[in-house]
Amino acid sequence: MTRIRPRRLRTSEAMRRMVRETELSINDLVYPLFVVHGTGVREEIPSMPGCFHLSIDELCKEAAEVMDLGILAILLFGLPRIKDEIGSEAHTHSGIVQQAVKALKATVSDLLVITDVCLCEYTSHGHCGIMRDGQVLNDPTLELLAETAVSHAQAGADMVAPSDMMDARVGAIREALDENGFQNIAIISYAAKYASAFYGPFREAADCAPQFGDRRTYQMDPANAREALKEIALDIEEGADIVMVKPALAYLDIIRLVKDATDIPAAAFNVSGEYAMLKAAARNGWIDEQKAVMEILTSIKRAGADIIITYHAKDAARWLKSER
């Protein structure tokens, strides 16, 4: 007769909760939001049910609801009125994100506002940097990224999140923030951002699909793991306070590698394609949405993520509250 019976610790919900190894918390969640020009705008994004393009007034209402749910932070993406070759609205003080941050800080000051720092939403060509002869120029792009980060900090952002994957951009942003008196503004770096097929719905939501070519010359090859550790180490050396892996589900092994290799917080982005697939399956009655979402988010936490950026954040917060 066996004396070892693992099932003894699975006999009831109370028993299972008592010995549970991984606990997902509302404190782990960051909710991404999309802000647009105008007033009274609340337009659902077709490929991302439950997510919206929001004008600043509607954004502030949404942010208040997010804070009431106990979510600590949002990640803000902006859609400009006008795009040009250098993404001018990204780094002007009158840009949509800069206006939105000021409004958010005037209405929900305790909510952490993280701003995406990239040019792809703002450029006419849809790439993340300055283009010449069909190539993204790394070093000339750094200056614009640094200007963008400083303008976000001046508007009141708590943290900036460079997502462009230009070499040395964390160092350039850190130097610019420090020189302008923003030594306490943290950088959460998209350090291991892969050239993934799971970004499709986001590119619709942010209107940022490349008009030609792709982003494989600056985003990481999905086949590479050791390279992620190199990118992480470089960003930490340049001054990143938090490092991120993006996407999450197809890269749980990378999250674990990063967590084991570093002693700073690790974030993971549960991206738009991952969200959209689950939403579509749930709407067709193929899966139980709540159970699937919570299983996925728990897997990301179990892999090592301290922070999970997810479009499921509001629903997950409600479900976590109901379990108390």
C-alpha atoms as a PDB file:
ATOM      1  CA  MET A   1       0.000   0.000   0.000  1.00  0.00           C
ATOM      2  CA  THR A   2       1.361   3.395  -0.930  1.00  0.00           C
ATOM      3  CA  ARG A   3       1.919   5.907   1.857  1.00  0.00           C
ATOM      4  CA  ILE A   4       2.398   8.840  -0.506  1.00  0.00           C
ATOM      5  CA  ARG A   5      -0.887  10.122  -1.895  1.00  0.00           C
ATOM      6  CA  PRO A   6      -0.687  13.592  -3.448  1.00  0.00           C
ATOM      7  CA  ARG A   7      -4.487  13.627  -3.765  1.00  0.00           C
ATOM      8  CA  ARG A   8      -4.786  14.115   0.006  1.00  0.00           C
ATOM      9  CA  LEU A   9      -3.914  17.764  -0.545  1.00  0.00           C
ATOM     10  CA  ARG A  10      -6.583  18.162  -3.243  1.00  0.00           C
ATOM     11  CA  THR A  11      -9.610  16.953  -1.297  1.00  0.00           C
ATOM     12  CA  SER A  12     -11.361  20.347  -0.921  1.00  0.00           C
ATOM     13  CA  GLU A  13     -11.190  23.908  -2.136  1.00  0.00           C
ATOM     14  CA  ALA A  14      -9.895  25.020   1.249  1.00  0.00           C
ATOM     15  CA  MET A  15      -7.155  22.386   1.141  1.00  0.00           C
ATOM     16  CA  ARG A  16      -6.157  23.296  -2.401  1.00  0.00           C
ATOM     17  CA  ARG A  17      -5.978  26.999  -1.571  1.00  0.00           C
ATOM     18  CA  MET A  18      -3.939  26.365   1.557  1.00  0.00           C
ATOM     19  CA  VAL A  19      -1.146  24.603  -0.368  1.00  0.00           C
ATOM     20  CA  ARG A  20      -1.370  26.662  -3.568  1.00  0.00           C
ATOM     21  CA  GLU A  21       2.103  27.587  -4.840  1.00  0.00           C
ATOM     22  CA  THR A  22       1.225  30.544  -7.085  1.00  0.00           C
ATOM     23  CA  GLU A  23      -1.189  33.312  -6.087  1.00  0.00           C
ATOM     24  CA  LEU A  24      -2.421  35.736  -8.725  1.00  0.00           C
ATOM     25  CA  SER A  25      -3.226  39.162  -7.269  1.00  0.00           C
ATOM     26  CA  ILE A  26      -4.944  42.312  -8.501  1.00  0.00           C
ATOM     27  CA  ASN A  27      -1.661  44.026  -7.621  1.00  0.00           C
ATOM     28  CA  ASP A  28       0.020  42.077 -10.442  1.00  0.00           C
ATOM     29  CA  LEU A  29      -2.177  43.567 -13.180  1.00  0.00           C
ATOM     30  CA  VAL A  30      -1.694  46.516 -15.539  1.00  0.00           C
ATOM     31  CA  TYR A  31      -4.504  47.523 -17.914  1.00  0.00           C
ATOM     32  CA  PRO A  32      -3.656  48.872 -21.412  1.00  0.00           C
ATOM     33  CA  LEU A  33      -5.798  51.721 -22.772  1.00  0.00           C
ATOM     34  CA  PHE A  34      -6.022  53.525 -26.127  1.00  0.00           C
ATOM     35  CA  VAL A  35      -6.633  57.289 -26.181  1.00  0.00           C
ATOM     36  CA  VAL A  36      -7.770  59.286 -29.218  1.00  0.00           C
ATOM     37  CA  HIS A  37      -8.609  62.894 -30.014  1.00  0.00           C
ATOM     38  CA  GLY A  38     -12.174  64.153 -29.685  1.00  0.00           C
ATOM     39  CA  THR A  39     -14.893  64.248 -27.055  1.00  0.00           C
ATOM     40  CA  GLY A  40     -17.367  61.580 -26.004  1.00  0.00           C
ATOM     41  CA  VAL A  41     -15.571  58.893 -28.021  1.00  0.00           C
ATOM     42  CA  ARG A  42     -15.973  55.302 -26.844  1.00  0.00           C
ATOM     43  CA  GLU A  43     -15.607  53.009 -29.851  1.00  0.00           C
ATOM     44  CA  GLU A  44     -15.135  49.275 -29.422  1.00  0.00           C
ATOM     45  CA  ILE A  45     -12.153  47.801 -31.262  1.00  0.00           C
ATOM     46  CA  PRO A  46     -13.603  45.082 -33.533  1.00  0.00           C
ATOM     47  CA  SER A  47     -10.785  42.558 -33.102  1.00  0.00           C
ATOM     48  CA  MET A  48     -10.548  43.176 -29.343  1.00  0.00           C
ATOM     49  CA  PRO A  49     -14.049  42.891 -27.850  1.00  0.00           C
ATOM     50  CA  GLY A  50     -14.339  44.793 -24.590  1.00  0.00           C
ATOM     51  CA  CYS A  51     -11.488  47.194 -25.472  1.00  0.00           C
ATOM     52  CA  PHE A  52     -12.146  50.698 -26.740  1.00  0.00           C
ATOM     53  CA  HIS A  53     -10.748  53.787 -28.385  1.00  0.00           C
ATOM     54  CA  LEU A  54     -11.413  56.472 -25.764  1.00  0.00           C
ATOM     55  CA  SER A  55     -11.318  60.243 -25.933  1.00  0.00           C
ATOM     56  CA  ILE A  56      -9.679  61.916 -22.948  1.00  0.00           C
ATOM     57  CA  ASP A  57     -12.965  62.511 -21.109  1.00  0.00           C
ATOM     58  CA  GLU A  58     -13.963  58.864 -21.522  1.00  0.00           C
ATOM     59  CA  LEU A  59     -10.434  57.742 -20.667  1.00  0.00           C
ATOM     60  CA  CYS A  60     -10.664  59.486 -17.299  1.00  0.00           C
ATOM     61  CA  LYS A  61     -13.973  57.724 -16.573  1.00  0.00           C
ATOM     62  CA  GLU A  62     -12.435  54.386 -17.524  1.00  0.00           C
ATOM     63  CA  ALA A  63      -9.388  55.072 -15.375  1.00  0.00           C
ATOM     64  CA  ALA A  64     -11.602  55.831 -12.372  1.00  0.00           C
ATOM     65  CA  GLU A  65     -13.345  52.467 -12.850  1.00  0.00           C
ATOM     66  CA  VAL A  66      -9.973  50.735 -13.152  1.00  0.00           C
ATOM     67  CA  MET A  67      -8.830  52.299  -9.882  1.00  0.00           C
ATOM     68  CA  ASP A  68     -12.095  51.351  -8.141  1.00  0.00           C
ATOM     69  CA  LEU A  69     -11.417  47.731  -9.095  1.00  0.00           C
ATOM     70  CA  GLY A  70      -8.108  47.919  -7.248  1.00  0.00           C
ATOM     71  CA  ILE A  71      -5.879  47.863 -10.329  1.00  0.00           C
ATOM     72  CA  LEU A  72      -2.798  49.950  -9.603  1.00  0.00           C
ATOM     73  CA  ALA A  73      -1.640  50.984 -13.082  1.00  0.00           C
ATOM     74  CA  ILE A  74      -2.584  51.560 -16.699  1.00  0.00           C
ATOM     75  CA  LEU A  75      -0.398  51.476 -19.813  1.00  0.00           C
ATOM     76  CA  LEU A  76      -1.338  54.256 -22.194  1.00  0.00           C
ATOM     77  CA  PHE A  77      -1.181  54.170 -26.007  1.00  0.00           C
ATOM     78  CA  GLY A  78      -2.087  57.176 -28.136  1.00  0.00           C
ATOM     79  CA  LEU A  79      -3.475  57.603 -31.646  1.00  0.00           C
ATOM     80  CA  PRO A  80      -2.576  60.941 -33.278  1.00  0.00           C
ATOM     81  CA  ARG A  81      -4.656  63.089 -35.578  1.00  0.00           C
ATOM     82  CA  ILE A  82      -1.814  63.461 -38.069  1.00  0.00           C
ATOM     83  CA  LYS A  83       1.081  61.131 -38.884  1.00  0.00           C
ATOM     84  CA  ASP A  84       4.345  62.174 -40.495  1.00  0.00           C
ATOM     85  CA  GLU A  85       7.765  60.748 -41.315  1.00  0.00           C
ATOM     86  CA  ILE A  86       9.211  61.410 -37.850  1.00  0.00           C
ATOM     87  CA  GLY A  87       6.124  60.843 -35.697  1.00  0.00           C
ATOM     88  CA  SER A  88       5.963  64.461 -34.539  1.00  0.00           C
ATOM     89  CA  GLU A  89       2.938  64.024 -32.252  1.00  0.00           C
ATOM     90  CA  ALA A  90       4.798  61.423 -30.217  1.00  0.00           C
ATOM     91  CA  HIS A  91       7.245  63.966 -28.834  1.00  0.00           C
ATOM     92  CA  THR A  92       5.336  67.261 -28.865  1.00  0.00           C
ATOM     93  CA  HIS A  93       4.002  68.648 -25.607  1.00  0.00           C
ATOM     94  CA  SER A  94       0.548  68.982 -27.180  1.00  0.00           C
ATOM     95  CA  GLY A  95       0.406  65.317 -28.247  1.00  0.00           C
ATOM     96  CA  ILE A  96      -2.550  63.105 -27.395  1.00  0.00           C
ATOM     97  CA  VAL A  97      -0.673  61.103 -24.749  1.00  0.00           C
ATOM     98  CA  GLN A  98       0.747  64.221 -23.114  1.00  0.00           C
ATOM     99  CA  GLN A  99      -2.748  65.747 -22.925  1.00  0.00           C
ATOM    100  CA  ALA A 100      -4.192  62.501 -21.595  1.00  0.00           C
ATOM    101  CA  VAL A 101      -1.581  62.111 -18.870  1.00  0.00           C
ATOM    102  CA  LYS A 102      -2.268  65.635 -17.595  1.00  0.00           C
ATOM    103  CA  ALA A 103      -6.005  64.926 -17.491  1.00  0.00           C
ATOM    104  CA  LEU A 104      -5.515  61.586 -15.751  1.00  0.00           C
ATOM    105  CA  LYS A 105      -3.267  63.063 -13.098  1.00  0.00           C
ATOM    106  CA  ALA A 106      -5.859  65.792 -12.468  1.00  0.00           C
ATOM    107  CA  THR A 107      -8.658  63.256 -11.918  1.00  0.00           C
ATOM    108  CA  VAL A 108      -7.139  59.953 -10.719  1.00  0.00           C
ATOM    109  CA  SER A 109      -3.827  61.081  -9.302  1.00  0.00           C
ATOM    110  CA  ASP A 110      -3.194  57.886  -7.321  1.00  0.00           C
ATOM    111  CA  LEU A 111      -3.397  55.639 -10.393  1.00  0.00           C
ATOM    112  CA  LEU A 112       0.027  54.813 -11.812  1.00  0.00           C
ATOM    113  CA  VAL A 113       0.234  56.004 -15.413  1.00  0.00           C
ATOM    114  CA  ILE A 114       2.751  54.179 -17.603  1.00  0.00           C
ATOM    115  CA  THR A 115       3.234  55.540 -21.107  1.00  0.00           C
ATOM    116  CA  ASP A 116       4.327  53.610 -24.156  1.00  0.00           C
ATOM    117  CA  VAL A 117       7.344  55.262 -25.776  1.00  0.00           C
ATOM    118  CA  CYS A 118       7.524  54.411 -29.462  1.00  0.00           C
ATOM    119  CA  LEU A 119       6.992  56.097 -32.820  1.00  0.00           C
ATOM    120  CA  CYS A 120       5.051  53.461 -34.755  1.00  0.00           C
ATOM    121  CA  GLU A 121       1.577  54.855 -33.973  1.00  0.00           C
ATOM    122  CA  TYR A 122       2.720  58.306 -35.058  1.00  0.00           C
ATOM    123  CA  THR A 123       4.750  57.716 -38.229  1.00  0.00           C
ATOM    124  CA  SER A 124       3.235  57.720 -41.693  1.00  0.00           C
ATOM    125  CA  HIS A 125       5.224  54.595 -42.588  1.00  0.00           C
ATOM    126  CA  GLY A 126       4.271  52.668 -39.426  1.00  0.00           C
ATOM    127  CA  HIS A 127       7.797  51.793 -38.359  1.00  0.00           C
ATOM    128  CA  CYS A 128       9.249  52.467 -34.912  1.00  0.00           C
ATOM    129  CA  GLY A 129      11.958  54.899 -35.965  1.00  0.00           C
ATOM    130  CA  ILE A 130      13.296  57.269 -38.585  1.00  0.00           C
ATOM    131  CA  MET A 131      13.452  55.679 -42.034  1.00  0.00           C
ATOM    132  CA  ARG A 132      16.005  56.152 -44.800  1.00  0.00           C
ATOM    133  CA  ASP A 133      16.285  54.063 -47.965  1.00  0.00           C
ATOM    134  CA  GLY A 134      13.916  51.469 -46.510  1.00  0.00           C
ATOM    135  CA  GLN A 135      15.933  51.028 -43.303  1.00  0.00           C
ATOM    136  CA  VAL A 136      15.136  52.074 -39.730  1.00  0.00           C
ATOM    137  CA  LEU A 137      17.975  54.253 -38.466  1.00  0.00           C
ATOM    138  CA  ASN A 138      18.870  53.325 -34.914  1.00  0.00           C
ATOM    139  CA  ASP A 139      20.859  56.243 -33.479  1.00  0.00           C
ATOM    140  CA  PRO A 140      18.879  59.152 -35.004  1.00  0.00           C
ATOM    141  CA  THR A 141      15.733  57.534 -33.574  1.00  0.00           C
ATOM    142  CA  LEU A 142      17.132  57.609 -30.037  1.00  0.00           C
ATOM    143  CA  GLU A 143      16.918  61.376 -29.807  1.00  0.00           C
ATOM    144  CA  LEU A 144      13.209  61.350 -30.678  1.00  0.00           C
ATOM    145  CA  LEU A 145      12.496  58.543 -28.222  1.00  0.00           C
ATOM    146  CA  ALA A 146      14.283  60.454 -25.477  1.00  0.00           C
ATOM    147  CA  GLU A 147      12.308  63.611 -26.299  1.00  0.00           C
ATOM    148  CA  THR A 148       9.095  61.593 -26.159  1.00  0.00           C
ATOM    149  CA  ALA A 149       9.936  60.111 -22.762  1.00  0.00           C
ATOM    150  CA  VAL A 150      10.806  63.538 -21.320  1.00  0.00           C
ATOM    151  CA  SER A 151       7.568  65.045 -22.634  1.00  0.00           C
ATOM    152  CA  HIS A 152       5.605  62.235 -20.961  1.00  0.00           C
ATOM    153  CA  ALA A 153       7.420  62.824 -17.691  1.00  0.00           C
ATOM    154  CA  GLN A 154       6.738  66.561 -17.915  1.00  0.00           C
ATOM    155  CA  ALA A 155       3.043  65.773 -18.378  1.00  0.00           C
ATOM    156  CA  GLY A 156       3.060  63.710 -15.172  1.00  0.00           C
ATOM    157  CA  ALA A 157       3.698  60.108 -16.199  1.00  0.00           C
ATOM    158  CA  ASP A 158       4.886  57.838 -13.379  1.00  0.00           C
ATOM    159  CA  MET A 159       6.806  55.470 -15.631  1.00  0.00           C
ATOM    160  CA  VAL A 160       7.821  55.269 -19.295  1.00  0.00           C
ATOM    161  CA  ALA A 161       7.906  52.064 -21.325  1.00  0.00           C
ATOM    162  CA  PRO A 162      10.090  52.108 -24.457  1.00  0.00           C
ATOM    163  CA  SER A 163       8.791  49.449 -26.856  1.00  0.00           C
ATOM    164  CA  ASP A 164      10.702  50.274 -30.033  1.00  0.00           C
ATOM    165  CA  MET A 165      13.641  47.812 -29.638  1.00  0.00           C
ATOM    166  CA  MET A 166      16.266  50.264 -30.859  1.00  0.00           C
ATOM    167  CA  ASP A 167      19.718  49.483 -29.466  1.00  0.00           C
ATOM    168  CA  ALA A 168      20.744  51.716 -26.531  1.00  0.00           C
ATOM    169  CA  ARG A 169      17.376  53.425 -26.208  1.00  0.00           C
ATOM    170  CA  VAL A 170      17.083  52.767 -22.460  1.00  0.00           C
ATOM    171  CA  GLY A 171      20.386  54.542 -21.845  1.00  0.00           C
ATOM    172  CA  ALA A 172      19.383  57.471 -24.036  1.00  0.00           C
ATOM    173  CA  ILE A 173      16.055  57.823 -22.254  1.00  0.00           C
ATOM    174  CA  ARG A 174      17.596  57.468 -18.795  1.00  0.00           C
ATOM    175  CA  GLU A 175      20.162  60.162 -19.570  1.00  0.00           C
ATOM    176  CA  ALA A 176      17.523  62.542 -20.940  1.00  0.00           C
ATOM    177  CA  LEU A 177      15.194  62.008 -17.977  1.00  0.00           C
ATOM    178  CA  ASP A 178      18.007  62.599 -15.495  1.00  0.00           C
ATOM    179  CA  GLU A 179      19.252  65.719 -17.291  1.00  0.00           C
ATOM    180  CA  ASN A 180      15.742  67.173 -17.153  1.00  0.00           C
ATOM    181  CA  GLY A 181      15.244  66.533 -13.443  1.00  0.00           C
ATOM    182  CA  PHE A 182      13.251  63.304 -13.702  1.00  0.00           C
ATOM    183  CA  GLN A 183      15.607  60.989 -11.831  1.00  0.00           C
ATOM    184  CA  ASN A 184      12.648  59.343 -10.081  1.00  0.00           C
ATOM    185  CA  ILE A 185      10.738  58.423 -13.242  1.00  0.00           C
ATOM    186  CA  ALA A 186      11.103  54.666 -13.688  1.00  0.00           C
ATOM    187  CA  ILE A 187      11.713  52.875 -16.986  1.00  0.00           C
ATOM    188  CA  ILE A 188       9.927  49.620 -17.740  1.00  0.00           C
ATOM    189  CA  SER A 189      11.720  48.335 -20.811  1.00  0.00           C
ATOM    190  CA  TYR A 190      10.283  46.054 -23.466  1.00  0.00           C
ATOM    191  CA  ALA A 191      13.614  44.283 -23.229  1.00  0.00           C
ATOM    192  CA  ALA A 192      12.770  40.990 -24.940  1.00  0.00           C
ATOM    193  CA  LYS A 193      10.162  41.954 -27.526  1.00  0.00           C
ATOM    194  CA  TYR A 194       9.769  39.337 -30.214  1.00  0.00           C
ATOM    195  CA  ALA A 195       8.721  39.782 -33.851  1.00  0.00           C
ATOM    196  CA  SER A 196       5.490  37.952 -33.160  1.00  0.00           C
ATOM    197  CA  ALA A 197       2.387  37.041 -35.139  1.00  0.00           C
ATOM    198  CA  PHE A 198       0.296  37.799 -32.044  1.00  0.00           C
ATOM    199  CA  TYR A 199       0.321  41.597 -32.480  1.00  0.00           C
ATOM    200  CA  GLY A 200      -2.288  41.750 -35.256  1.00  0.00           C
ATOM    201  CA  PRO A 201      -5.255  43.100 -33.288  1.00  0.00           C
ATOM    202  CA  PHE A 202      -3.063  45.713 -31.572  1.00  0.00           C
ATOM    203  CA  ARG A 203      -1.877  46.989 -34.940  1.00  0.00           C
ATOM    204  CA  GLU A 204      -5.521  47.538 -35.866  1.00  0.00           C
ATOM    205  CA  ALA A 205      -6.251  49.153 -32.505  1.00  0.00           C
ATOM    206  CA  ALA A 206      -3.231  51.480 -32.640  1.00  0.00           C
ATOM    207  CA  ASP A 207      -3.307  51.937 -36.443  1.00  0.00           C
ATOM    208  CA  CYS A 208       0.398  51.128 -36.576  1.00  0.00           C
ATOM    209  CA  ALA A 209       0.916  48.329 -39.086  1.00  0.00           C
ATOM    210  CA  PRO A 210       4.076  48.912 -41.176  1.00  0.00           C
ATOM    211  CA  GLN A 211       3.228  50.311 -44.592  1.00  0.00           C
ATOM    212  CA  PHE A 212       6.036  48.203 -46.089  1.00  0.00           C
ATOM    213  CA  GLY A 213       8.373  45.487 -44.874  1.00  0.00           C
ATOM    214  CA  ASP A 214       8.238  44.207 -41.316  1.00  0.00           C
ATOM    215  CA  ARG A 215       9.932  44.736 -37.947  1.00  0.00           C
ATOM    216  CA  ARG A 216      12.231  41.737 -37.915  1.00  0.00           C
ATOM    217  CA  THR A 217      15.377  43.862 -38.189  1.00  0.00           C
ATOM    218  CA  TYR A 218      14.749  45.328 -34.737  1.00  0.00           C
ATOM    219  CA  GLN A 219      12.344  42.990 -32.904  1.00  0.00           C
ATOM    220  CA  MET A 220      13.731  39.637 -31.749  1.00  0.00           C
ATOM    221  CA  ASP A 221      13.686  36.343 -33.658  1.00  0.00           C
ATOM    222  CA  PRO A 222      11.092  34.049 -31.993  1.00  0.00           C
ATOM    223  CA  ALA A 223      13.557  31.143 -32.184  1.00  0.00           C
ATOM    224  CA  ASN A 224      16.095  32.804 -29.859  1.00  0.00           C
ATOM    225  CA  ALA A 225      16.288  32.452 -26.078  1.00  0.00           C
ATOM    226  CA  ARG A 226      19.894  33.278 -25.150  1.00  0.00           C
ATOM    227  CA  GLU A 227      19.587  36.526 -27.071  1.00  0.00           C
ATOM    228  CA  ALA A 228      16.802  37.573 -24.695  1.00  0.00           C
ATOM    229  CA  LEU A 229      19.223  37.375 -21.793  1.00  0.00           C
ATOM    230  CA  LYS A 230      21.659  39.599 -23.710  1.00  0.00           C
ATOM    231  CA  GLU A 231      18.937  42.180 -24.355  1.00  0.00           C
ATOM    232  CA  ILE A 232      17.840  42.048 -20.710  1.00  0.00           C
ATOM    233  CA  ALA A 233      21.398  42.499 -19.427  1.00  0.00           C
ATOM    234  CA  LEU A 234      22.018  45.461 -21.734  1.00  0.00           C
ATOM    235  CA  ASP A 235      18.806  47.227 -20.675  1.00  0.00           C
ATOM    236  CA  ILE A 236      19.552  46.728 -16.988  1.00  0.00           C
ATOM    237  CA  GLU A 237      23.071  48.096 -17.516  1.00  0.00           C
ATOM    238  CA  GLU A 238      21.559  51.139 -19.258  1.00  0.00           C
ATOM    239  CA  GLY A 239      19.203  51.847 -16.357  1.00  0.00           C
ATOM    240  CA  ALA A 240      15.978  49.867 -16.791  1.00  0.00           C
ATOM    241  CA  ASP A 241      14.067  49.495 -13.514  1.00  0.00           C
ATOM    242  CA  ILE A 242      11.760  46.735 -14.795  1.00  0.00           C
ATOM    243  CA  VAL A 243      12.287  44.455 -17.792  1.00  0.00           C
ATOM    244  CA  MET A 244       9.515  43.000 -19.913  1.00  0.00           C
ATOM    245  CA  VAL A 245       8.976  39.950 -22.097  1.00  0.00           C
ATOM    246  CA  LYS A 246       6.484  40.320 -24.946  1.00  0.00           C
ATOM    247  CA  PRO A 247       4.403  38.325 -25.865  1.00  0.00           C
ATOM    248  CA  ALA A 248       3.717  36.155 -22.821  1.00  0.00           C
ATOM    249  CA  LEU A 249       2.070  32.845 -23.721  1.00  0.00           C
ATOM    250  CA  ALA A 250       4.421  31.615 -26.427  1.00  0.00           C
ATOM    251  CA  TYR A 251       7.372  32.847 -24.343  1.00  0.00           C
ATOM    252  CA  LEU A 252       6.729  31.463 -20.853  1.00  0.00           C
ATOM    253  CA  ASP A 253      10.156  29.834 -21.010  1.00  0.00           C
ATOM    254  CA  ILE A 254      11.723  33.248 -21.675  1.00  0.00           C
ATOM    255  CA  ILE A 255       9.897  34.756 -18.695  1.00  0.00           C
ATOM    256  CA  ARG A 256      11.379  32.037 -16.498  1.00  0.00           C
ATOM    257  CA  LEU A 257      14.867  32.566 -17.941  1.00  0.00           C
ATOM    258  CA  VAL A 258      14.626  36.299 -17.306  1.00  0.00           C
ATOM    259  CA  LYS A 259      13.292  35.834 -13.789  1.00  0.00           C
ATOM    260  CA  ASP A 260      16.098  33.436 -12.888  1.00  0.00           C
ATOM    261  CA  ALA A 261      18.786  35.660 -14.426  1.00  0.00           C
ATOM    262  CA  THR A 262      17.844  39.016 -12.852  1.00  0.00           C
ATOM    263  CA  ASP A 263      17.102  40.553  -9.495  1.00  0.00           C
ATOM    264  CA  ILE A 264      14.804  43.337 -10.706  1.00  0.00           C
ATOM    265  CA  PRO A 265      11.056  43.017 -11.357  1.00  0.00           C
ATOM    266  CA  ALA A 266      10.039  41.108 -14.477  1.00  0.00           C
ATOM    267  CA  ALA A 267       6.948  42.014 -16.479  1.00  0.00           C
ATOM    268  CA  ALA A 268       5.135  40.139 -19.230  1.00  0.00           C
ATOM    269  CA  PHE A 269       2.665  41.446 -21.820  1.00  0.00           C
ATOM    270  CA  ASN A 270      -0.327  39.186 -22.477  1.00  0.00           C
ATOM    271  CA  VAL A 271      -0.786  40.675 -25.941  1.00  0.00           C
ATOM    272  CA  SER A 272      -3.722  41.466 -28.202  1.00  0.00           C
ATOM    273  CA  GLY A 273      -3.622  38.280 -30.282  1.00  0.00           C
ATOM    274  CA  GLU A 274      -3.637  36.136 -27.167  1.00  0.00           C
ATOM    275  CA  TYR A 275      -6.583  38.141 -25.868  1.00  0.00           C
ATOM    276  CA  ALA A 276      -8.499  38.047 -29.155  1.00  0.00           C
ATOM    277  CA  MET A 277      -8.144  34.268 -29.594  1.00  0.00           C
ATOM    278  CA  LEU A 278      -9.531  33.604 -26.148  1.00  0.00           C
ATOM    279  CA  LYS A 279     -12.373  36.090 -26.605  1.00  0.00           C
ATOM    280  CA  ALA A 280     -13.327  34.515 -29.926  1.00  0.00           C
ATOM    281  CA  ALA A 281     -13.344  30.999 -28.467  1.00  0.00           C
ATOM    282  CA  ALA A 282     -15.403  32.139 -25.482  1.00  0.00           C
ATOM    283  CA  ARG A 283     -17.958  33.922 -27.667  1.00  0.00           C
ATOM    284  CA  ASN A 284     -18.387  30.711 -29.652  1.00  0.00           C
ATOM    285  CA  GLY A 285     -18.966  28.753 -26.456  1.00  0.00           C
ATOM    286  CA  TRP A 286     -15.846  26.646 -26.953  1.00  0.00           C
ATOM    287  CA  ILE A 287     -14.235  27.488 -23.616  1.00  0.00           C
ATOM    288  CA  ASP A 288     -15.187  28.872 -20.223  1.00  0.00           C
ATOM    289  CA  GLU A 289     -13.785  32.418 -20.454  1.00  0.00           C
ATOM    290  CA  GLN A 290     -13.288  33.040 -16.744  1.00  0.00           C
ATOM    291  CA  LYS A 291     -11.545  29.744 -16.084  1.00  0.00           C
ATOM    292  CA  ALA A 292      -9.362  30.070 -19.180  1.00  0.00           C
ATOM    293  CA  VAL A 293      -8.342  33.666 -18.420  1.00  0.00           C
ATOM    294  CA  MET A 294      -7.434  32.880 -14.840  1.00  0.00           C
ATOM    295  CA  GLU A 295      -5.491  29.787 -15.891  1.00  0.00           C
ATOM    296  CA  ILE A 296      -3.531  31.777 -18.470  1.00  0.00           C
ATOM    297  CA  LEU A 297      -2.745  34.649 -16.104  1.00  0.00           C
ATOM    298  CA  THR A 298      -1.727  32.214 -13.390  1.00  0.00           C
ATOM    299  CA  SER A 299       0.607  30.480 -15.845  1.00  0.00           C
ATOM    300  CA  ILE A 300       2.283  33.808 -16.627  1.00  0.00           C
ATOM    301  CA  LYS A 301       2.694  34.506 -12.913  1.00  0.00           C
ATOM    302  CA  ARG A 302       3.965  30.956 -12.307  1.00  0.00           C
ATOM    303  CA  ALA A 303       6.546  31.403 -15.072  1.00  0.00           C
ATOM    304  CA  GLY A 304       8.002  34.295 -13.091  1.00  0.00           C
ATOM    305  CA  ALA A 305       6.238  37.519 -14.058  1.00  0.00           C
ATOM    306  CA  ASP A 306       5.914  40.000 -11.208  1.00  0.00           C
ATOM    307  CA  ILE A 307       3.777  42.301 -13.369  1.00  0.00           C
ATOM    308  CA  ILE A 308       1.260  41.203 -16.017  1.00  0.00           C
ATOM    309  CA  ILE A 309       0.063  43.686 -18.622  1.00  0.00           C
ATOM    310  CA  THR A 310      -3.219  42.301 -19.917  1.00  0.00           C
ATOM    311  CA  TYR A 311      -6.430  43.381 -21.624  1.00  0.00           C
ATOM    312  CA  HIS A 312      -8.183  40.938 -19.275  1.00  0.00           C
ATOM    313  CA  ALA A 313      -7.202  43.036 -16.244  1.00  0.00           C
ATOM    314  CA  LYS A 314     -10.644  44.460 -15.430  1.00  0.00           C
ATOM    315  CA  ASP A 315     -12.402  41.104 -15.691  1.00  0.00           C
ATOM    316  CA  ALA A 316      -9.632  39.371 -13.780  1.00  0.00           C
ATOM    317  CA  ALA A 317      -9.845  41.974 -11.003  1.00  0.00           C
ATOM    318  CA  ARG A 318     -13.588  41.383 -10.658  1.00  0.00           C
ATOM    319  CA  TRP A 319     -13.129  37.624 -10.556  1.00  0.00           C
ATOM    320  CA  LEU A 320     -10.331  37.862  -8.003  1.00  0.00           C
ATOM    321  CA  LYS A 321     -12.507  40.075  -5.800  1.00  0.00           C
ATOM    322  CA  SER A 322     -15.375  37.593  -5.990  1.00  0.00           C
ATOM    323  CA  GLU A 323     -13.102  34.827  -4.701  1.00  0.00           C
ATOM    324  CA  ARG A 324     -12.376  36.663  -1.466  1.00  0.00           C
END
